[in-house]
Amino acid sequence: MWIVTVFENNTYRMFEFSGQQEAKKLAAKFKDNAILSFTK
């Protein structure tokens, strides 16, 4: 499972993806405010 964590305005949101490509697309939209991680 791929997780994108987005930090904005003193809060954060997390999005879960099964595919790496989808997760990378979202992380690219947020640039420096996102972290892409993988977990089993």
PDB file of N, CA and C in Angstrom:
ATOM      1  N   MET A   1       0.851  -1.167   0.000  1.00  0.00           N
ATOM      2  CA  MET A   1       0.000   0.000   0.000  1.00  0.00           C
ATOM      3  C   MET A   1       0.898   1.232   0.000  1.00  0.00           C
ATOM      4  N   TRP A   2       0.572   2.170  -0.837  1.00  0.00           N
ATOM      5  CA  TRP A   2       1.283   3.439  -0.933  1.00  0.00           C
ATOM      6  C   TRP A   2       0.488   4.512  -0.200  1.00  0.00           C
ATOM      7  N   ILE A   3       1.183   5.304   0.597  1.00  0.00           N
ATOM      8  CA  ILE A   3       0.556   6.356   1.391  1.00  0.00           C
ATOM      9  C   ILE A   3       1.159   7.699   0.987  1.00  0.00           C
ATOM     10  N   VAL A   4       0.290   8.677   0.735  1.00  0.00           N
ATOM     11  CA  VAL A   4       0.737  10.051   0.500  1.00  0.00           C
ATOM     12  C   VAL A   4       0.223  10.881   1.671  1.00  0.00           C
ATOM     13  N   THR A   5       1.153  11.496   2.386  1.00  0.00           N
ATOM     14  CA  THR A   5       0.805  12.366   3.498  1.00  0.00           C
ATOM     15  C   THR A   5       1.049  13.809   3.053  1.00  0.00           C
ATOM     16  N   VAL A   6       0.018  14.624   3.126  1.00  0.00           N
ATOM     17  CA  VAL A   6       0.095  16.026   2.686  1.00  0.00           C
ATOM     18  C   VAL A   6      -0.056  16.926   3.905  1.00  0.00           C
ATOM     19  N   PHE A   7       0.901  17.829   4.079  1.00  0.00           N
ATOM     20  CA  PHE A   7       0.896  18.765   5.196  1.00  0.00           C
ATOM     21  C   PHE A   7       0.469  20.138   4.698  1.00  0.00           C
ATOM     22  N   GLU A   8      -0.593  20.694   5.311  1.00  0.00           N
ATOM     23  CA  GLU A   8      -1.105  22.014   4.937  1.00  0.00           C
ATOM     24  C   GLU A   8      -1.724  22.701   6.149  1.00  0.00           C
ATOM     25  N   ASN A   9      -1.437  23.975   6.303  1.00  0.00           N
ATOM     26  CA  ASN A   9      -2.099  24.815   7.313  1.00  0.00           C
ATOM     27  C   ASN A   9      -2.211  24.166   8.688  1.00  0.00           C
ATOM     28  N   ASN A  10      -1.100  23.739   9.248  1.00  0.00           N
ATOM     29  CA  ASN A  10      -1.037  23.144  10.588  1.00  0.00           C
ATOM     30  C   ASN A  10      -1.859  21.866  10.732  1.00  0.00           C
ATOM     31  N   THR A  11      -2.080  21.158   9.653  1.00  0.00           N
ATOM     32  CA  THR A  11      -2.804  19.889   9.686  1.00  0.00           C
ATOM     33  C   THR A  11      -2.229  18.972   8.605  1.00  0.00           C
ATOM     34  N   TYR A  12      -2.756  17.778   8.504  1.00  0.00           N
ATOM     35  CA  TYR A  12      -2.292  16.861   7.474  1.00  0.00           C
ATOM     36  C   TYR A  12      -3.441  15.978   6.998  1.00  0.00           C
ATOM     37  N   ARG A  13      -3.281  15.450   5.797  1.00  0.00           N
ATOM     38  CA  ARG A  13      -4.240  14.509   5.217  1.00  0.00           C
ATOM     39  C   ARG A  13      -3.448  13.326   4.683  1.00  0.00           C
ATOM     40  N   MET A  14      -4.046  12.142   4.756  1.00  0.00           N
ATOM     41  CA  MET A  14      -3.384  10.940   4.262  1.00  0.00           C
ATOM     42  C   MET A  14      -4.265  10.264   3.222  1.00  0.00           C
ATOM     43  N   PHE A  15      -3.634   9.836   2.126  1.00  0.00           N
ATOM     44  CA  PHE A  15      -4.332   9.164   1.043  1.00  0.00           C
ATOM     45  C   PHE A  15      -3.681   7.805   0.815  1.00  0.00           C
ATOM     46  N   GLU A  16      -4.472   6.759   0.635  1.00  0.00           N
ATOM     47  CA  GLU A  16      -3.967   5.407   0.411  1.00  0.00           C
ATOM     48  C   GLU A  16      -4.183   5.004  -1.040  1.00  0.00           C
ATOM     49  N   PHE A  17      -3.168   4.356  -1.616  1.00  0.00           N
ATOM     50  CA  PHE A  17      -3.238   3.872  -2.990  1.00  0.00           C
ATOM     51  C   PHE A  17      -2.687   2.455  -3.056  1.00  0.00           C
ATOM     52  N   SER A  18      -3.216   1.658  -3.958  1.00  0.00           N
ATOM     53  CA  SER A  18      -2.677   0.321  -4.166  1.00  0.00           C
ATOM     54  C   SER A  18      -1.565   0.341  -5.210  1.00  0.00           C
ATOM     55  N   GLY A  19      -1.562   1.345  -6.096  1.00  0.00           N
ATOM     56  CA  GLY A  19      -0.543   1.440  -7.136  1.00  0.00           C
ATOM     57  C   GLY A  19       0.399   2.608  -6.926  1.00  0.00           C
ATOM     58  N   GLN A  20       1.659   2.380  -7.274  1.00  0.00           N
ATOM     59  CA  GLN A  20       2.677   3.406  -7.091  1.00  0.00           C
ATOM     60  C   GLN A  20       2.459   4.601  -8.016  1.00  0.00           C
ATOM     61  N   GLN A  21       2.061   4.371  -9.245  1.00  0.00           N
ATOM     62  CA  GLN A  21       1.892   5.456 -10.209  1.00  0.00           C
ATOM     63  C   GLN A  21       0.849   6.475  -9.749  1.00  0.00           C
ATOM     64  N   GLU A  22      -0.276   5.986  -9.248  1.00  0.00           N
ATOM     65  CA  GLU A  22      -1.331   6.886  -8.758  1.00  0.00           C
ATOM     66  C   GLU A  22      -0.809   7.756  -7.614  1.00  0.00           C
ATOM     67  N   ALA A  23      -0.101   7.119  -6.695  1.00  0.00           N
ATOM     68  CA  ALA A  23       0.426   7.833  -5.535  1.00  0.00           C
ATOM     69  C   ALA A  23       1.443   8.890  -5.953  1.00  0.00           C
ATOM     70  N   LYS A  24       2.306   8.553  -6.901  1.00  0.00           N
ATOM     71  CA  LYS A  24       3.313   9.507  -7.366  1.00  0.00           C
ATOM     72  C   LYS A  24       2.667  10.721  -8.035  1.00  0.00           C
ATOM     73  N   LYS A  25       1.589  10.506  -8.774  1.00  0.00           N
ATOM     74  CA  LYS A  25       0.899  11.616  -9.431  1.00  0.00           C
ATOM     75  C   LYS A  25       0.353  12.605  -8.405  1.00  0.00           C
ATOM     76  N   LEU A  26      -0.258  12.082  -7.342  1.00  0.00           N
ATOM     77  CA  LEU A  26      -0.800  12.973  -6.317  1.00  0.00           C
ATOM     78  C   LEU A  26       0.325  13.681  -5.574  1.00  0.00           C
ATOM     79  N   ALA A  27       1.370  12.976  -5.211  1.00  0.00           N
ATOM     80  CA  ALA A  27       2.489  13.579  -4.485  1.00  0.00           C
ATOM     81  C   ALA A  27       3.127  14.691  -5.316  1.00  0.00           C
ATOM     82  N   ALA A  28       3.191  14.519  -6.626  1.00  0.00           N
ATOM     83  CA  ALA A  28       3.783  15.537  -7.495  1.00  0.00           C
ATOM     84  C   ALA A  28       2.952  16.819  -7.498  1.00  0.00           C
ATOM     85  N   LYS A  29       1.655  16.705  -7.337  1.00  0.00           N
ATOM     86  CA  LYS A  29       0.793  17.890  -7.319  1.00  0.00           C
ATOM     87  C   LYS A  29       1.076  18.782  -6.111  1.00  0.00           C
ATOM     88  N   PHE A  30       1.468  18.169  -4.997  1.00  0.00           N
ATOM     89  CA  PHE A  30       1.702  18.927  -3.766  1.00  0.00           C
ATOM     90  C   PHE A  30       3.170  19.296  -3.555  1.00  0.00           C
ATOM     91  N   LYS A  31       4.053  18.814  -4.404  1.00  0.00           N
ATOM     92  CA  LYS A  31       5.488  19.116  -4.402  1.00  0.00           C
ATOM     93  C   LYS A  31       6.129  18.965  -3.031  1.00  0.00           C
ATOM     94  N   ASP A  32       6.514  20.084  -2.400  1.00  0.00           N
ATOM     95  CA  ASP A  32       7.278  20.044  -1.148  1.00  0.00           C
ATOM     96  C   ASP A  32       6.436  19.765   0.091  1.00  0.00           C
ATOM     97  N   ASN A  33       5.117  19.702  -0.048  1.00  0.00           N
ATOM     98  CA  ASN A  33       4.244  19.512   1.109  1.00  0.00           C
ATOM     99  C   ASN A  33       3.796  18.068   1.288  1.00  0.00           C
ATOM    100  N   ALA A  34       4.365  17.132   0.505  1.00  0.00           N
ATOM    101  CA  ALA A  34       3.893  15.745   0.560  1.00  0.00           C
ATOM    102  C   ALA A  34       5.042  14.767   0.773  1.00  0.00           C
ATOM    103  N   ILE A  35       4.709  13.674   1.445  1.00  0.00           N
ATOM    104  CA  ILE A  35       5.643  12.570   1.647  1.00  0.00           C
ATOM    105  C   ILE A  35       5.010  11.316   1.082  1.00  0.00           C
ATOM    106  N   LEU A  36       5.749  10.587   0.265  1.00  0.00           N
ATOM    107  CA  LEU A  36       5.295   9.336  -0.311  1.00  0.00           C
ATOM    108  C   LEU A  36       5.966   8.195   0.427  1.00  0.00           C
ATOM    109  N   SER A  37       5.183   7.231   0.913  1.00  0.00           N
ATOM    110  CA  SER A  37       5.752   6.103   1.640  1.00  0.00           C
ATOM    111  C   SER A  37       5.049   4.812   1.236  1.00  0.00           C
ATOM    112  N   PHE A  38       5.698   3.684   1.534  1.00  0.00           N
ATOM    113  CA  PHE A  38       5.177   2.363   1.193  1.00  0.00           C
ATOM    114  C   PHE A  38       5.141   1.495   2.442  1.00  0.00           C
ATOM    115  N   THR A  39       4.082   0.725   2.585  1.00  0.00           N
ATOM    116  CA  THR A  39       3.967  -0.222   3.690  1.00  0.00           C
ATOM    117  C   THR A  39       3.357  -1.507   3.179  1.00  0.00           C
ATOM    118  N   LYS A  40       3.685  -2.597   3.812  1.00  0.00           N
ATOM    119  CA  LYS A  40       3.156  -3.901   3.383  1.00  0.00           C
ATOM    120  C   LYS A  40       1.850  -4.210   4.064  1.00  0.00           C
TER     121      LYS A  40
END
